[in-house]
Amino acid sequence: MEALLSFAGIVGAVCCVAMYAAVSFGKINAEKPLFFLVNGVGAGLILIGAAQEFDIGDLGTIAQELIWAAISLYGAARAYAKTPAWRQAMERWTNAVASSPL
């Protein structure tokens, strides 16, 4: 189990570094939800890896990854809100609320 948790941290680091490299080399757009989602998953996996044998030295890593995950979640929501699918969903919801008898 310990090896699996360590492996999760490694996979998380690969996710974050891969997204950074992909944006740096122009392979993906940093405004797309995928960039933020993969970064958020990576941060979560790093948190799992860091928490497996927690000591006070891991506090910086845990704080950084919590902040990284929060920024990624915010960025993904903001990026998704710019998509046509989100606009259509919000329009349907607004119309449904407006036509509600309440």
PDB file of N, CA and C in Angstrom:
ATOM      1  N   MET A   1       0.823  -1.196   0.000  1.00  0.00           N
ATOM      2  CA  MET A   1       0.000   0.000   0.000  1.00  0.00           C
ATOM      3  C   MET A   1       0.868   1.261   0.000  1.00  0.00           C
ATOM      4  N   GLU A   2       1.941   1.215   0.764  1.00  0.00           N
ATOM      5  CA  GLU A   2       2.848   2.359   0.845  1.00  0.00           C
ATOM      6  C   GLU A   2       3.446   2.679  -0.520  1.00  0.00           C
ATOM      7  N   ALA A   3       3.809   1.636  -1.262  1.00  0.00           N
ATOM      8  CA  ALA A   3       4.381   1.836  -2.593  1.00  0.00           C
ATOM      9  C   ALA A   3       3.351   2.452  -3.535  1.00  0.00           C
ATOM     10  N   LEU A   4       2.099   2.047  -3.400  1.00  0.00           N
ATOM     11  CA  LEU A   4       1.038   2.586  -4.244  1.00  0.00           C
ATOM     12  C   LEU A   4       0.826   4.076  -3.971  1.00  0.00           C
ATOM     13  N   LEU A   5       0.871   4.460  -2.709  1.00  0.00           N
ATOM     14  CA  LEU A   5       0.713   5.871  -2.354  1.00  0.00           C
ATOM     15  C   LEU A   5       1.895   6.701  -2.847  1.00  0.00           C
ATOM     16  N   SER A   6       3.094   6.141  -2.755  1.00  0.00           N
ATOM     17  CA  SER A   6       4.273   6.835  -3.294  1.00  0.00           C
ATOM     18  C   SER A   6       4.152   6.992  -4.801  1.00  0.00           C
ATOM     19  N   PHE A   7       3.672   5.946  -5.454  1.00  0.00           N
ATOM     20  CA  PHE A   7       3.492   5.982  -6.902  1.00  0.00           C
ATOM     21  C   PHE A   7       2.465   7.051  -7.289  1.00  0.00           C
ATOM     22  N   ALA A   8       1.421   7.204  -6.474  1.00  0.00           N
ATOM     23  CA  ALA A   8       0.416   8.238  -6.737  1.00  0.00           C
ATOM     24  C   ALA A   8       1.068   9.620  -6.741  1.00  0.00           C
ATOM     25  N   GLY A   9       1.964   9.868  -5.799  1.00  0.00           N
ATOM     26  CA  GLY A   9       2.668  11.143  -5.753  1.00  0.00           C
ATOM     27  C   GLY A   9       3.519  11.376  -6.987  1.00  0.00           C
ATOM     28  N   ILE A  10       4.164  10.324  -7.464  1.00  0.00           N
ATOM     29  CA  ILE A  10       4.995  10.433  -8.670  1.00  0.00           C
ATOM     30  C   ILE A  10       4.121  10.729  -9.886  1.00  0.00           C
ATOM     31  N   VAL A  11       3.004  10.023 -10.005  1.00  0.00           N
ATOM     32  CA  VAL A  11       2.086  10.264 -11.124  1.00  0.00           C
ATOM     33  C   VAL A  11       1.557  11.702 -11.067  1.00  0.00           C
ATOM     34  N   GLY A  12       1.258  12.181  -9.864  1.00  0.00           N
ATOM     35  CA  GLY A  12       0.804  13.559  -9.707  1.00  0.00           C
ATOM     36  C   GLY A  12       1.839  14.564 -10.177  1.00  0.00           C
ATOM     37  N   ALA A  13       3.084  14.326  -9.817  1.00  0.00           N
ATOM     38  CA  ALA A  13       4.160  15.223 -10.253  1.00  0.00           C
ATOM     39  C   ALA A  13       4.291  15.205 -11.774  1.00  0.00           C
ATOM     40  N   VAL A  14       4.172  14.024 -12.365  1.00  0.00           N
ATOM     41  CA  VAL A  14       4.243  13.909 -13.825  1.00  0.00           C
ATOM     42  C   VAL A  14       3.097  14.692 -14.469  1.00  0.00           C
ATOM     43  N   CYS A  15       1.897  14.599 -13.899  1.00  0.00           N
ATOM     44  CA  CYS A  15       0.747  15.347 -14.433  1.00  0.00           C
ATOM     45  C   CYS A  15       1.030  16.847 -14.447  1.00  0.00           C
ATOM     46  N   CYS A  16       1.491  17.368 -13.327  1.00  0.00           N
ATOM     47  CA  CYS A  16       1.742  18.812 -13.220  1.00  0.00           C
ATOM     48  C   CYS A  16       2.859  19.265 -14.152  1.00  0.00           C
ATOM     49  N   VAL A  17       3.940  18.524 -14.178  1.00  0.00           N
ATOM     50  CA  VAL A  17       5.071  18.892 -15.038  1.00  0.00           C
ATOM     51  C   VAL A  17       4.698  18.743 -16.510  1.00  0.00           C
ATOM     52  N   ALA A  18       3.939  17.711 -16.844  1.00  0.00           N
ATOM     53  CA  ALA A  18       3.528  17.502 -18.237  1.00  0.00           C
ATOM     54  C   ALA A  18       2.657  18.655 -18.730  1.00  0.00           C
ATOM     55  N   MET A  19       1.751  19.130 -17.899  1.00  0.00           N
ATOM     56  CA  MET A  19       0.902  20.257 -18.299  1.00  0.00           C
ATOM     57  C   MET A  19       1.725  21.533 -18.461  1.00  0.00           C
ATOM     58  N   TYR A  20       2.665  21.753 -17.555  1.00  0.00           N
ATOM     59  CA  TYR A  20       3.533  22.927 -17.658  1.00  0.00           C
ATOM     60  C   TYR A  20       4.349  22.861 -18.951  1.00  0.00           C
ATOM     61  N   ALA A  21       4.902  21.696 -19.242  1.00  0.00           N
ATOM     62  CA  ALA A  21       5.690  21.528 -20.467  1.00  0.00           C
ATOM     63  C   ALA A  21       4.814  21.693 -21.705  1.00  0.00           C
ATOM     64  N   ALA A  22       3.618  21.122 -21.685  1.00  0.00           N
ATOM     65  CA  ALA A  22       2.729  21.211 -22.845  1.00  0.00           C
ATOM     66  C   ALA A  22       2.352  22.660 -23.150  1.00  0.00           C
ATOM     67  N   VAL A  23       2.111  23.445 -22.119  1.00  0.00           N
ATOM     68  CA  VAL A  23       1.805  24.863 -22.326  1.00  0.00           C
ATOM     69  C   VAL A  23       3.054  25.599 -22.807  1.00  0.00           C
ATOM     70  N   SER A  24       4.190  25.309 -22.195  1.00  0.00           N
ATOM     71  CA  SER A  24       5.443  25.986 -22.565  1.00  0.00           C
ATOM     72  C   SER A  24       5.835  25.728 -24.009  1.00  0.00           C
ATOM     73  N   PHE A  25       5.560  24.512 -24.505  1.00  0.00           N
ATOM     74  CA  PHE A  25       5.917  24.147 -25.877  1.00  0.00           C
ATOM     75  C   PHE A  25       4.777  24.395 -26.861  1.00  0.00           C
ATOM     76  N   GLY A  26       3.701  25.026 -26.395  1.00  0.00           N
ATOM     77  CA  GLY A  26       2.599  25.375 -27.281  1.00  0.00           C
ATOM     78  C   GLY A  26       1.738  24.208 -27.721  1.00  0.00           C
ATOM     79  N   LYS A  27       1.755  23.117 -26.989  1.00  0.00           N
ATOM     80  CA  LYS A  27       0.976  21.934 -27.364  1.00  0.00           C
ATOM     81  C   LYS A  27      -0.474  22.023 -26.907  1.00  0.00           C
ATOM     82  N   ILE A  28      -0.726  22.739 -25.821  1.00  0.00           N
ATOM     83  CA  ILE A  28      -2.096  22.946 -25.357  1.00  0.00           C
ATOM     84  C   ILE A  28      -2.268  24.405 -24.956  1.00  0.00           C
ATOM     85  N   ASN A  29      -3.504  24.806 -24.866  1.00  0.00           N
ATOM     86  CA  ASN A  29      -3.850  26.166 -24.474  1.00  0.00           C
ATOM     87  C   ASN A  29      -4.131  26.180 -22.973  1.00  0.00           C
ATOM     88  N   ALA A  30      -3.480  27.061 -22.265  1.00  0.00           N
ATOM     89  CA  ALA A  30      -3.642  27.135 -20.808  1.00  0.00           C
ATOM     90  C   ALA A  30      -5.005  27.686 -20.405  1.00  0.00           C
ATOM     91  N   GLU A  31      -5.809  28.106 -21.355  1.00  0.00           N
ATOM     92  CA  GLU A  31      -7.155  28.597 -21.049  1.00  0.00           C
ATOM     93  C   GLU A  31      -8.202  27.489 -21.128  1.00  0.00           C
ATOM     94  N   LYS A  32      -7.803  26.291 -21.506  1.00  0.00           N
ATOM     95  CA  LYS A  32      -8.744  25.172 -21.630  1.00  0.00           C
ATOM     96  C   LYS A  32      -8.924  24.482 -20.285  1.00  0.00           C
ATOM     97  N   PRO A  33     -10.122  23.960 -20.014  1.00  0.00           N
ATOM     98  CA  PRO A  33     -10.365  23.265 -18.744  1.00  0.00           C
ATOM     99  C   PRO A  33      -9.420  22.084 -18.508  1.00  0.00           C
ATOM    100  N   LEU A  34      -9.011  21.389 -19.573  1.00  0.00           N
ATOM    101  CA  LEU A  34      -8.138  20.218 -19.418  1.00  0.00           C
ATOM    102  C   LEU A  34      -6.853  20.563 -18.679  1.00  0.00           C
ATOM    103  N   PHE A  35      -6.264  21.701 -18.989  1.00  0.00           N
ATOM    104  CA  PHE A  35      -5.032  22.125 -18.330  1.00  0.00           C
ATOM    105  C   PHE A  35      -5.228  22.192 -16.820  1.00  0.00           C
ATOM    106  N   PHE A  36      -6.300  22.833 -16.409  1.00  0.00           N
ATOM    107  CA  PHE A  36      -6.563  23.000 -14.979  1.00  0.00           C
ATOM    108  C   PHE A  36      -6.965  21.689 -14.317  1.00  0.00           C
ATOM    109  N   LEU A  37      -7.748  20.879 -15.021  1.00  0.00           N
ATOM    110  CA  LEU A  37      -8.188  19.607 -14.439  1.00  0.00           C
ATOM    111  C   LEU A  37      -7.012  18.663 -14.197  1.00  0.00           C
ATOM    112  N   VAL A  38      -6.126  18.550 -15.174  1.00  0.00           N
ATOM    113  CA  VAL A  38      -4.966  17.665 -15.000  1.00  0.00           C
ATOM    114  C   VAL A  38      -4.057  18.196 -13.893  1.00  0.00           C
ATOM    115  N   ASN A  39      -3.890  19.505 -13.822  1.00  0.00           N
ATOM    116  CA  ASN A  39      -3.095  20.091 -12.738  1.00  0.00           C
ATOM    117  C   ASN A  39      -3.734  19.814 -11.383  1.00  0.00           C
ATOM    118  N   GLY A  40      -5.042  19.933 -11.297  1.00  0.00           N
ATOM    119  CA  GLY A  40      -5.740  19.657 -10.044  1.00  0.00           C
ATOM    120  C   GLY A  40      -5.626  18.206  -9.621  1.00  0.00           C
ATOM    121  N   VAL A  41      -5.771  17.300 -10.580  1.00  0.00           N
ATOM    122  CA  VAL A  41      -5.598  15.869 -10.286  1.00  0.00           C
ATOM    123  C   VAL A  41      -4.170  15.609  -9.834  1.00  0.00           C
ATOM    124  N   GLY A  42      -3.221  16.222 -10.520  1.00  0.00           N
ATOM    125  CA  GLY A  42      -1.816  16.068 -10.133  1.00  0.00           C
ATOM    126  C   GLY A  42      -1.564  16.541  -8.716  1.00  0.00           C
ATOM    127  N   ALA A  43      -2.122  17.691  -8.367  1.00  0.00           N
ATOM    128  CA  ALA A  43      -1.952  18.213  -7.004  1.00  0.00           C
ATOM    129  C   ALA A  43      -2.566  17.265  -5.983  1.00  0.00           C
ATOM    130  N   GLY A  44      -3.732  16.726  -6.298  1.00  0.00           N
ATOM    131  CA  GLY A  44      -4.373  15.774  -5.389  1.00  0.00           C
ATOM    132  C   GLY A  44      -3.545  14.519  -5.190  1.00  0.00           C
ATOM    133  N   LEU A  45      -2.967  14.018  -6.276  1.00  0.00           N
ATOM    134  CA  LEU A  45      -2.128  12.818  -6.171  1.00  0.00           C
ATOM    135  C   LEU A  45      -0.851  13.101  -5.380  1.00  0.00           C
ATOM    136  N   ILE A  46      -0.279  14.274  -5.566  1.00  0.00           N
ATOM    137  CA  ILE A  46       0.905  14.647  -4.781  1.00  0.00           C
ATOM    138  C   ILE A  46       0.536  14.732  -3.301  1.00  0.00           C
ATOM    139  N   LEU A  47      -0.640  15.273  -3.002  1.00  0.00           N
ATOM    140  CA  LEU A  47      -1.106  15.329  -1.610  1.00  0.00           C
ATOM    141  C   LEU A  47      -1.217  13.934  -1.010  1.00  0.00           C
ATOM    142  N   ILE A  48      -1.749  13.003  -1.774  1.00  0.00           N
ATOM    143  CA  ILE A  48      -1.864  11.620  -1.298  1.00  0.00           C
ATOM    144  C   ILE A  48      -0.482  11.055  -1.002  1.00  0.00           C
ATOM    145  N   GLY A  49       0.449  11.277  -1.917  1.00  0.00           N
ATOM    146  CA  GLY A  49       1.813  10.787  -1.714  1.00  0.00           C
ATOM    147  C   GLY A  49       2.493  11.420  -0.516  1.00  0.00           C
ATOM    148  N   ALA A  50       2.269  12.722  -0.318  1.00  0.00           N
ATOM    149  CA  ALA A  50       2.920  13.425   0.799  1.00  0.00           C
ATOM    150  C   ALA A  50       2.307  13.049   2.142  1.00  0.00           C
ATOM    151  N   ALA A  51       1.033  12.708   2.136  1.00  0.00           N
ATOM    152  CA  ALA A  51       0.342  12.415   3.391  1.00  0.00           C
ATOM    153  C   ALA A  51       0.579  10.993   3.893  1.00  0.00           C
ATOM    154  N   GLN A  52       1.168  10.140   3.063  1.00  0.00           N
ATOM    155  CA  GLN A  52       1.320   8.737   3.457  1.00  0.00           C
ATOM    156  C   GLN A  52       2.193   8.564   4.692  1.00  0.00           C
ATOM    157  N   GLU A  53       3.260   9.305   4.785  1.00  0.00           N
ATOM    158  CA  GLU A  53       4.131   9.255   5.972  1.00  0.00           C
ATOM    159  C   GLU A  53       4.372  10.688   6.415  1.00  0.00           C
ATOM    160  N   PHE A  54       3.333  11.314   6.902  1.00  0.00           N
ATOM    161  CA  PHE A  54       3.397  12.733   7.226  1.00  0.00           C
ATOM    162  C   PHE A  54       4.379  13.014   8.355  1.00  0.00           C
ATOM    163  N   ASP A  55       5.206  14.013   8.131  1.00  0.00           N
ATOM    164  CA  ASP A  55       5.992  14.616   9.205  1.00  0.00           C
ATOM    165  C   ASP A  55       5.962  16.127   8.965  1.00  0.00           C
ATOM    166  N   ILE A  56       6.435  16.892   9.895  1.00  0.00           N
ATOM    167  CA  ILE A  56       6.328  18.347   9.833  1.00  0.00           C
ATOM    168  C   ILE A  56       7.020  18.926   8.599  1.00  0.00           C
ATOM    169  N   GLY A  57       7.996  18.215   8.067  1.00  0.00           N
ATOM    170  CA  GLY A  57       8.687  18.669   6.864  1.00  0.00           C
ATOM    171  C   GLY A  57       7.807  18.641   5.627  1.00  0.00           C
ATOM    172  N   ASP A  58       6.719  17.875   5.673  1.00  0.00           N
ATOM    173  CA  ASP A  58       5.797  17.797   4.541  1.00  0.00           C
ATOM    174  C   ASP A  58       4.780  18.930   4.531  1.00  0.00           C
ATOM    175  N   LEU A  59       4.775  19.741   5.560  1.00  0.00           N
ATOM    176  CA  LEU A  59       3.781  20.796   5.676  1.00  0.00           C
ATOM    177  C   LEU A  59       3.837  21.774   4.503  1.00  0.00           C
ATOM    178  N   GLY A  60       5.038  22.135   4.073  1.00  0.00           N
ATOM    179  CA  GLY A  60       5.182  23.044   2.937  1.00  0.00           C
ATOM    180  C   GLY A  60       4.622  22.448   1.658  1.00  0.00           C
ATOM    181  N   THR A  61       4.918  21.181   1.422  1.00  0.00           N
ATOM    182  CA  THR A  61       4.399  20.492   0.240  1.00  0.00           C
ATOM    183  C   THR A  61       2.882  20.430   0.284  1.00  0.00           C
ATOM    184  N   ILE A  62       2.347  20.084   1.440  1.00  0.00           N
ATOM    185  CA  ILE A  62       0.895  19.968   1.566  1.00  0.00           C
ATOM    186  C   ILE A  62       0.225  21.321   1.366  1.00  0.00           C
ATOM    187  N   ALA A  63       0.778  22.376   1.946  1.00  0.00           N
ATOM    188  CA  ALA A  63       0.216  23.719   1.757  1.00  0.00           C
ATOM    189  C   ALA A  63       0.273  24.121   0.288  1.00  0.00           C
ATOM    190  N   GLN A  64       1.409  23.885  -0.353  1.00  0.00           N
ATOM    191  CA  GLN A  64       1.560  24.240  -1.762  1.00  0.00           C
ATOM    192  C   GLN A  64       0.558  23.494  -2.623  1.00  0.00           C
ATOM    193  N   GLU A  65       0.392  22.215  -2.399  1.00  0.00           N
ATOM    194  CA  GLU A  65      -0.501  21.416  -3.232  1.00  0.00           C
ATOM    195  C   GLU A  65      -1.970  21.739  -2.975  1.00  0.00           C
ATOM    196  N   LEU A  66      -2.320  22.095  -1.739  1.00  0.00           N
ATOM    197  CA  LEU A  66      -3.695  22.534  -1.473  1.00  0.00           C
ATOM    198  C   LEU A  66      -3.999  23.821  -2.233  1.00  0.00           C
ATOM    199  N   ILE A  67      -3.043  24.749  -2.223  1.00  0.00           N
ATOM    200  CA  ILE A  67      -3.210  26.001  -2.966  1.00  0.00           C
ATOM    201  C   ILE A  67      -3.257  25.722  -4.463  1.00  0.00           C
ATOM    202  N   TRP A  68      -2.373  24.845  -4.937  1.00  0.00           N
ATOM    203  CA  TRP A  68      -2.321  24.472  -6.355  1.00  0.00           C
ATOM    204  C   TRP A  68      -3.652  23.874  -6.785  1.00  0.00           C
ATOM    205  N   ALA A  69      -4.206  22.977  -5.963  1.00  0.00           N
ATOM    206  CA  ALA A  69      -5.487  22.337  -6.281  1.00  0.00           C
ATOM    207  C   ALA A  69      -6.620  23.364  -6.294  1.00  0.00           C
ATOM    208  N   ALA A  70      -6.614  24.291  -5.343  1.00  0.00           N
ATOM    209  CA  ALA A  70      -7.660  25.317  -5.288  1.00  0.00           C
ATOM    210  C   ALA A  70      -7.601  26.225  -6.517  1.00  0.00           C
ATOM    211  N   ILE A  71      -6.411  26.633  -6.904  1.00  0.00           N
ATOM    212  CA  ILE A  71      -6.253  27.469  -8.098  1.00  0.00           C
ATOM    213  C   ILE A  71      -6.689  26.699  -9.336  1.00  0.00           C
ATOM    214  N   SER A  72      -6.341  25.428  -9.398  1.00  0.00           N
ATOM    215  CA  SER A  72      -6.734  24.600 -10.540  1.00  0.00           C
ATOM    216  C   SER A  72      -8.243  24.456 -10.626  1.00  0.00           C
ATOM    217  N   LEU A  73      -8.894  24.260  -9.492  1.00  0.00           N
ATOM    218  CA  LEU A  73     -10.352  24.140  -9.473  1.00  0.00           C
ATOM    219  C   LEU A  73     -10.997  25.446  -9.942  1.00  0.00           C
ATOM    220  N   TYR A  74     -10.512  26.562  -9.435  1.00  0.00           N
ATOM    221  CA  TYR A  74     -11.023  27.869  -9.857  1.00  0.00           C
ATOM    222  C   TYR A  74     -10.791  28.080 -11.356  1.00  0.00           C
ATOM    223  N   GLY A  75      -9.576  27.777 -11.817  1.00  0.00           N
ATOM    224  CA  GLY A  75      -9.247  27.957 -13.231  1.00  0.00           C
ATOM    225  C   GLY A  75     -10.089  27.080 -14.136  1.00  0.00           C
ATOM    226  N   ALA A  76     -10.329  25.837 -13.722  1.00  0.00           N
ATOM    227  CA  ALA A  76     -11.159  24.929 -14.521  1.00  0.00           C
ATOM    228  C   ALA A  76     -12.585  25.453 -14.608  1.00  0.00           C
ATOM    229  N   ALA A  77     -13.122  25.916 -13.494  1.00  0.00           N
ATOM    230  CA  ALA A  77     -14.485  26.456 -13.498  1.00  0.00           C
ATOM    231  C   ALA A  77     -14.570  27.694 -14.386  1.00  0.00           C
ATOM    232  N   ARG A  78     -13.587  28.566 -14.274  1.00  0.00           N
ATOM    233  CA  ARG A  78     -13.564  29.780 -15.097  1.00  0.00           C
ATOM    234  C   ARG A  78     -13.423  29.440 -16.582  1.00  0.00           C
ATOM    235  N   ALA A  79     -12.538  28.487 -16.898  1.00  0.00           N
ATOM    236  CA  ALA A  79     -12.332  28.096 -18.293  1.00  0.00           C
ATOM    237  C   ALA A  79     -13.579  27.418 -18.851  1.00  0.00           C
ATOM    238  N   TYR A  80     -14.209  26.560 -18.043  1.00  0.00           N
ATOM    239  CA  TYR A  80     -15.415  25.880 -18.507  1.00  0.00           C
ATOM    240  C   TYR A  80     -16.556  26.872 -18.708  1.00  0.00           C
ATOM    241  N   ALA A  81     -16.617  27.898 -17.881  1.00  0.00           N
ATOM    242  CA  ALA A  81     -17.678  28.902 -17.999  1.00  0.00           C
ATOM    243  C   ALA A  81     -17.599  29.667 -19.317  1.00  0.00           C
ATOM    244  N   LYS A  82     -16.457  29.640 -19.970  1.00  0.00           N
ATOM    245  CA  LYS A  82     -16.284  30.326 -21.253  1.00  0.00           C
ATOM    246  C   LYS A  82     -16.700  29.461 -22.439  1.00  0.00           C
ATOM    247  N   THR A  83     -17.006  28.183 -22.209  1.00  0.00           N
ATOM    248  CA  THR A  83     -17.330  27.279 -23.312  1.00  0.00           C
ATOM    249  C   THR A  83     -18.783  27.446 -23.740  1.00  0.00           C
ATOM    250  N   PRO A  84     -19.077  27.153 -25.013  1.00  0.00           N
ATOM    251  CA  PRO A  84     -20.465  27.225 -25.482  1.00  0.00           C
ATOM    252  C   PRO A  84     -21.393  26.279 -24.713  1.00  0.00           C
ATOM    253  N   ALA A  85     -20.897  25.117 -24.323  1.00  0.00           N
ATOM    254  CA  ALA A  85     -21.729  24.165 -23.583  1.00  0.00           C
ATOM    255  C   ALA A  85     -22.206  24.773 -22.266  1.00  0.00           C
ATOM    256  N   TRP A  86     -21.329  25.487 -21.589  1.00  0.00           N
ATOM    257  CA  TRP A  86     -21.710  26.123 -20.325  1.00  0.00           C
ATOM    258  C   TRP A  86     -22.750  27.218 -20.569  1.00  0.00           C
ATOM    259  N   ARG A  87     -22.516  28.021 -21.594  1.00  0.00           N
ATOM    260  CA  ARG A  87     -23.465  29.093 -21.888  1.00  0.00           C
ATOM    261  C   ARG A  87     -24.849  28.531 -22.219  1.00  0.00           C
ATOM    262  N   GLN A  88     -24.880  27.441 -22.998  1.00  0.00           N
ATOM    263  CA  GLN A  88     -26.159  26.819 -23.342  1.00  0.00           C
ATOM    264  C   GLN A  88     -26.841  26.256 -22.103  1.00  0.00           C
ATOM    265  N   ALA A  89     -26.073  25.622 -21.231  1.00  0.00           N
ATOM    266  CA  ALA A  89     -26.646  25.067 -20.001  1.00  0.00           C
ATOM    267  C   ALA A  89     -27.214  26.178 -19.126  1.00  0.00           C
ATOM    268  N   MET A  90     -26.494  27.277 -19.006  1.00  0.00           N
ATOM    269  CA  MET A  90     -26.969  28.394 -18.192  1.00  0.00           C
ATOM    270  C   MET A  90     -28.213  29.034 -18.806  1.00  0.00           C
ATOM    271  N   GLU A  91     -28.250  29.099 -20.128  1.00  0.00           N
ATOM    272  CA  GLU A  91     -29.415  29.658 -20.808  1.00  0.00           C
ATOM    273  C   GLU A  91     -30.648  28.780 -20.571  1.00  0.00           C
ATOM    274  N   ARG A  92     -30.470  27.451 -20.672  1.00  0.00           N
ATOM    275  CA  ARG A  92     -31.583  26.530 -20.404  1.00  0.00           C
ATOM    276  C   ARG A  92     -32.059  26.667 -18.964  1.00  0.00           C
ATOM    277  N   TRP A  93     -31.123  26.759 -18.039  1.00  0.00           N
ATOM    278  CA  TRP A  93     -31.471  26.881 -16.625  1.00  0.00           C
ATOM    279  C   TRP A  93     -32.215  28.191 -16.368  1.00  0.00           C
ATOM    280  N   THR A  94     -31.723  29.273 -16.950  1.00  0.00           N
ATOM    281  CA  THR A  94     -32.367  30.575 -16.778  1.00  0.00           C
ATOM    282  C   THR A  94     -33.785  30.557 -17.339  1.00  0.00           C
ATOM    283  N   ASN A  95     -33.952  29.951 -18.514  1.00  0.00           N
ATOM    284  CA  ASN A  95     -35.285  29.861 -19.113  1.00  0.00           C
ATOM    285  C   ASN A  95     -36.214  29.007 -18.260  1.00  0.00           C
ATOM    286  N   ALA A  96     -35.694  27.924 -17.708  1.00  0.00           N
ATOM    287  CA  ALA A  96     -36.510  27.050 -16.862  1.00  0.00           C
ATOM    288  C   ALA A  96     -36.946  27.779 -15.598  1.00  0.00           C
ATOM    289  N   VAL A  97     -36.039  28.533 -15.009  1.00  0.00           N
ATOM    290  CA  VAL A  97     -36.371  29.284 -13.793  1.00  0.00           C
ATOM    291  C   VAL A  97     -37.385  30.383 -14.115  1.00  0.00           C
ATOM    292  N   ALA A  98     -37.189  31.054 -15.237  1.00  0.00           N
ATOM    293  CA  ALA A  98     -38.089  32.149 -15.614  1.00  0.00           C
ATOM    294  C   ALA A  98     -39.500  31.647 -15.901  1.00  0.00           C
ATOM    295  N   SER A  99     -39.629  30.435 -16.425  1.00  0.00           N
ATOM    296  CA  SER A  99     -40.957  29.906 -16.754  1.00  0.00           C
ATOM    297  C   SER A  99     -41.573  29.117 -15.602  1.00  0.00           C
ATOM    298  N   SER A 100     -40.886  29.027 -14.502  1.00  0.00           N
ATOM    299  CA  SER A 100     -41.395  28.304 -13.335  1.00  0.00           C
ATOM    300  C   SER A 100     -42.567  29.067 -12.713  1.00  0.00           C
ATOM    301  N   PRO A 101     -43.599  28.343 -12.267  1.00  0.00           N
ATOM    302  CA  PRO A 101     -44.750  29.030 -11.667  1.00  0.00           C
ATOM    303  C   PRO A 101     -44.444  29.648 -10.305  1.00  0.00           C
ATOM    304  N   LEU A 102     -43.332  29.296  -9.709  1.00  0.00           N
ATOM    305  CA  LEU A 102     -42.995  29.859  -8.400  1.00  0.00           C
ATOM    306  C   LEU A 102     -42.402  31.193  -8.631  1.00  0.00           C
TER     307      LEU A 102
END
